[in-house]
Amino acid sequence: MKLAVCTNKAEAIAVDVIKKLGIAEYFVAVVGGDSIAVKKPDAEHLFYTMKQMGCTAGKVASRVAMVGDSKNDILAANNAGVPAILVTYGYSDDEVNKLEIDWRIDNFSKLCELNFNQ
């Protein structure tokens, strides 16, 4: 499984945070809100992140999912046509629960249990 960060925070800040957390090695790409001209919830932000991961249209892109905790994350997934996975902690509020969400998880370990081929 390839992982990337797609955040509206500045790229340098995101890179610094994941380095300080000691998890940078798990991500093949980090795309910030200043990496391109648009930010989430614009689908182009997610498409650009997918491109940085080596994903292209077709079979590989069909296996992409967006995991997030905010309205912008879920809307970016919806706008890009990829599954939206809401983590039940973080920035989430009641408004996000009204959006199109494919799965809700309370722990990242639950990602491995999801069936993306539905």
C-alpha atoms as a PDB file:
ATOM      1  CA  MET A   1       0.000   0.000   0.000  1.00  0.00           C
ATOM      2  CA  LYS A   2       1.390   3.397  -0.982  1.00  0.00           C
ATOM      3  CA  LEU A   3       0.677   6.352   1.266  1.00  0.00           C
ATOM      4  CA  ALA A   4       0.843  10.080   0.595  1.00  0.00           C
ATOM      5  CA  VAL A   5      -0.059  13.240   2.431  1.00  0.00           C
ATOM      6  CA  CYS A   6      -2.451  15.662   0.731  1.00  0.00           C
ATOM      7  CA  THR A   7      -2.887  18.648   3.034  1.00  0.00           C
ATOM      8  CA  ASN A   8      -3.908  22.281   2.781  1.00  0.00           C
ATOM      9  CA  LYS A   9      -1.082  23.140   5.169  1.00  0.00           C
ATOM     10  CA  ALA A  10       2.165  24.408   3.657  1.00  0.00           C
ATOM     11  CA  GLU A  11       4.247  21.547   2.245  1.00  0.00           C
ATOM     12  CA  ALA A  12       7.334  22.420   4.306  1.00  0.00           C
ATOM     13  CA  ILE A  13       5.319  22.328   7.525  1.00  0.00           C
ATOM     14  CA  ALA A  14       3.761  18.971   6.613  1.00  0.00           C
ATOM     15  CA  VAL A  15       7.166  17.485   5.778  1.00  0.00           C
ATOM     16  CA  ASP A  16       8.598  18.807   9.051  1.00  0.00           C
ATOM     17  CA  VAL A  17       5.726  17.333  11.089  1.00  0.00           C
ATOM     18  CA  ILE A  18       5.969  13.842   9.595  1.00  0.00           C
ATOM     19  CA  LYS A  19       9.756  13.880   9.987  1.00  0.00           C
ATOM     20  CA  LYS A  20       9.467  14.883  13.640  1.00  0.00           C
ATOM     21  CA  LEU A  21       6.905  12.139  14.179  1.00  0.00           C
ATOM     22  CA  GLY A  22       9.371   9.645  12.665  1.00  0.00           C
ATOM     23  CA  ILE A  23       6.953   8.472   9.985  1.00  0.00           C
ATOM     24  CA  ALA A  24       8.308  10.175   6.841  1.00  0.00           C
ATOM     25  CA  GLU A  25       9.577   6.858   5.462  1.00  0.00           C
ATOM     26  CA  TYR A  26       5.986   5.619   5.073  1.00  0.00           C
ATOM     27  CA  PHE A  27       4.945   8.314   2.594  1.00  0.00           C
ATOM     28  CA  VAL A  28       5.921   8.335  -1.072  1.00  0.00           C
ATOM     29  CA  ALA A  29       4.710  11.921  -1.519  1.00  0.00           C
ATOM     30  CA  VAL A  30       3.794  14.985   0.496  1.00  0.00           C
ATOM     31  CA  VAL A  31       1.681  17.613  -1.253  1.00  0.00           C
ATOM     32  CA  GLY A  32       0.830  20.816   0.546  1.00  0.00           C
ATOM     33  CA  GLY A  33      -1.632  23.582   0.002  1.00  0.00           C
ATOM     34  CA  ASP A  34       1.134  25.625  -1.569  1.00  0.00           C
ATOM     35  CA  SER A  35       2.357  22.844  -3.894  1.00  0.00           C
ATOM     36  CA  ILE A  36      -0.093  23.758  -6.664  1.00  0.00           C
ATOM     37  CA  ALA A  37      -2.525  26.600  -7.359  1.00  0.00           C
ATOM     38  CA  VAL A  38      -5.567  24.870  -5.821  1.00  0.00           C
ATOM     39  CA  LYS A  39      -6.324  23.248  -2.479  1.00  0.00           C
ATOM     40  CA  LYS A  40      -8.774  20.671  -1.194  1.00  0.00           C
ATOM     41  CA  PRO A  41     -11.685  20.318  -1.761  1.00  0.00           C
ATOM     42  CA  ASP A  42     -10.644  20.899  -5.392  1.00  0.00           C
ATOM     43  CA  ALA A  43     -10.155  17.473  -7.006  1.00  0.00           C
ATOM     44  CA  GLU A  44      -6.996  18.709  -8.750  1.00  0.00           C
ATOM     45  CA  HIS A  45      -5.189  18.777  -5.401  1.00  0.00           C
ATOM     46  CA  LEU A  46      -5.896  15.075  -4.948  1.00  0.00           C
ATOM     47  CA  PHE A  47      -5.172  14.269  -8.619  1.00  0.00           C
ATOM     48  CA  TYR A  48      -1.788  16.004  -8.301  1.00  0.00           C
ATOM     49  CA  THR A  49      -1.050  13.985  -5.166  1.00  0.00           C
ATOM     50  CA  MET A  50      -1.972  10.782  -6.993  1.00  0.00           C
ATOM     51  CA  LYS A  51       0.369  11.743  -9.835  1.00  0.00           C
ATOM     52  CA  GLN A  52       3.207  12.269  -7.333  1.00  0.00           C
ATOM     53  CA  MET A  53       2.497   8.752  -6.054  1.00  0.00           C
ATOM     54  CA  GLY A  54       2.892   7.329  -9.557  1.00  0.00           C
ATOM     55  CA  CYS A  55      -0.830   6.732 -10.048  1.00  0.00           C
ATOM     56  CA  THR A  56      -2.295   7.185 -13.480  1.00  0.00           C
ATOM     57  CA  ALA A  57      -5.818   6.942 -14.797  1.00  0.00           C
ATOM     58  CA  GLY A  58      -7.327   3.501 -15.014  1.00  0.00           C
ATOM     59  CA  LYS A  59      -6.623   0.435 -12.926  1.00  0.00           C
ATOM     60  CA  VAL A  60      -4.218   1.958 -10.380  1.00  0.00           C
ATOM     61  CA  ALA A  61      -6.312   5.078  -9.820  1.00  0.00           C
ATOM     62  CA  SER A  62      -9.354   2.900  -9.186  1.00  0.00           C
ATOM     63  CA  ARG A  63      -7.573   1.559  -6.095  1.00  0.00           C
ATOM     64  CA  VAL A  64      -7.036   4.991  -4.535  1.00  0.00           C
ATOM     65  CA  ALA A  65      -8.892   6.168  -1.444  1.00  0.00           C
ATOM     66  CA  MET A  66      -8.803   9.402   0.515  1.00  0.00           C
ATOM     67  CA  VAL A  67      -8.524   9.093   4.281  1.00  0.00           C
ATOM     68  CA  GLY A  68      -9.332  12.242   6.164  1.00  0.00           C
ATOM     69  CA  ASP A  69     -10.928  13.910   9.122  1.00  0.00           C
ATOM     70  CA  SER A  70     -12.418  17.054   7.630  1.00  0.00           C
ATOM     71  CA  LYS A  71     -15.089  18.316   5.281  1.00  0.00           C
ATOM     72  CA  ASN A  72     -12.398  19.324   2.762  1.00  0.00           C
ATOM     73  CA  ASP A  73     -10.945  15.800   2.757  1.00  0.00           C
ATOM     74  CA  ILE A  74     -14.299  14.142   2.122  1.00  0.00           C
ATOM     75  CA  LEU A  75     -15.306  16.689  -0.523  1.00  0.00           C
ATOM     76  CA  ALA A  76     -11.935  16.269  -2.276  1.00  0.00           C
ATOM     77  CA  ALA A  77     -12.549  12.520  -2.453  1.00  0.00           C
ATOM     78  CA  ASN A  78     -16.105  13.032  -3.703  1.00  0.00           C
ATOM     79  CA  ASN A  79     -14.951  15.579  -6.290  1.00  0.00           C
ATOM     80  CA  ALA A  80     -12.182  13.249  -7.495  1.00  0.00           C
ATOM     81  CA  GLY A  81     -14.461  10.232  -7.644  1.00  0.00           C
ATOM     82  CA  VAL A  82     -12.454   8.145  -5.171  1.00  0.00           C
ATOM     83  CA  PRO A  83     -13.691   6.427  -1.992  1.00  0.00           C
ATOM     84  CA  ALA A  84     -13.875   8.650   1.074  1.00  0.00           C
ATOM     85  CA  ILE A  85     -12.767   7.221   4.407  1.00  0.00           C
ATOM     86  CA  LEU A  86     -13.544   9.361   7.438  1.00  0.00           C
ATOM     87  CA  VAL A  87     -11.523   8.907  10.601  1.00  0.00           C
ATOM     88  CA  THR A  88     -13.787   9.476  13.573  1.00  0.00           C
ATOM     89  CA  TYR A  89     -11.359  11.760  15.383  1.00  0.00           C
ATOM     90  CA  GLY A  90      -9.504  14.939  14.444  1.00  0.00           C
ATOM     91  CA  TYR A  91     -11.202  17.923  12.817  1.00  0.00           C
ATOM     92  CA  SER A  92     -14.464  16.083  12.129  1.00  0.00           C
ATOM     93  CA  ASP A  93     -17.702  17.744  13.097  1.00  0.00           C
ATOM     94  CA  ASP A  94     -21.361  16.902  12.601  1.00  0.00           C
ATOM     95  CA  GLU A  95     -21.421  18.608   9.194  1.00  0.00           C
ATOM     96  CA  VAL A  96     -18.963  16.076   7.737  1.00  0.00           C
ATOM     97  CA  ASN A  97     -21.360  13.242   8.590  1.00  0.00           C
ATOM     98  CA  LYS A  98     -23.854  14.672   6.077  1.00  0.00           C
ATOM     99  CA  LEU A  99     -21.389  14.113   3.213  1.00  0.00           C
ATOM    100  CA  GLU A 100     -20.913  11.053   1.006  1.00  0.00           C
ATOM    101  CA  ILE A 101     -18.641   8.797   3.050  1.00  0.00           C
ATOM    102  CA  ASP A 102     -17.772   5.241   2.018  1.00  0.00           C
ATOM    103  CA  TRP A 103     -16.339   4.119   5.358  1.00  0.00           C
ATOM    104  CA  ARG A 104     -15.759   5.430   8.865  1.00  0.00           C
ATOM    105  CA  ILE A 105     -12.851   4.126  10.902  1.00  0.00           C
ATOM    106  CA  ASP A 106     -11.734   4.840  14.445  1.00  0.00           C
ATOM    107  CA  ASN A 107      -8.194   3.577  13.994  1.00  0.00           C
ATOM    108  CA  PHE A 108      -5.822   3.488  11.021  1.00  0.00           C
ATOM    109  CA  SER A 109      -5.302  -0.235  11.558  1.00  0.00           C
ATOM    110  CA  LYS A 110      -8.889  -0.666  10.306  1.00  0.00           C
ATOM    111  CA  LEU A 111      -7.771   0.372   6.789  1.00  0.00           C
ATOM    112  CA  CYS A 112      -6.442  -3.120   6.192  1.00  0.00           C
ATOM    113  CA  GLU A 113      -9.900  -4.574   6.898  1.00  0.00           C
ATOM    114  CA  LEU A 114     -11.733  -2.514   4.263  1.00  0.00           C
ATOM    115  CA  ASN A 115     -12.834  -4.104   1.004  1.00  0.00           C
ATOM    116  CA  PHE A 116     -11.985  -1.618  -1.751  1.00  0.00           C
ATOM    117  CA  ASN A 117     -13.365  -3.901  -4.447  1.00  0.00           C
ATOM    118  CA  GLN A 118     -17.023  -3.354  -3.591  1.00  0.00           C
END
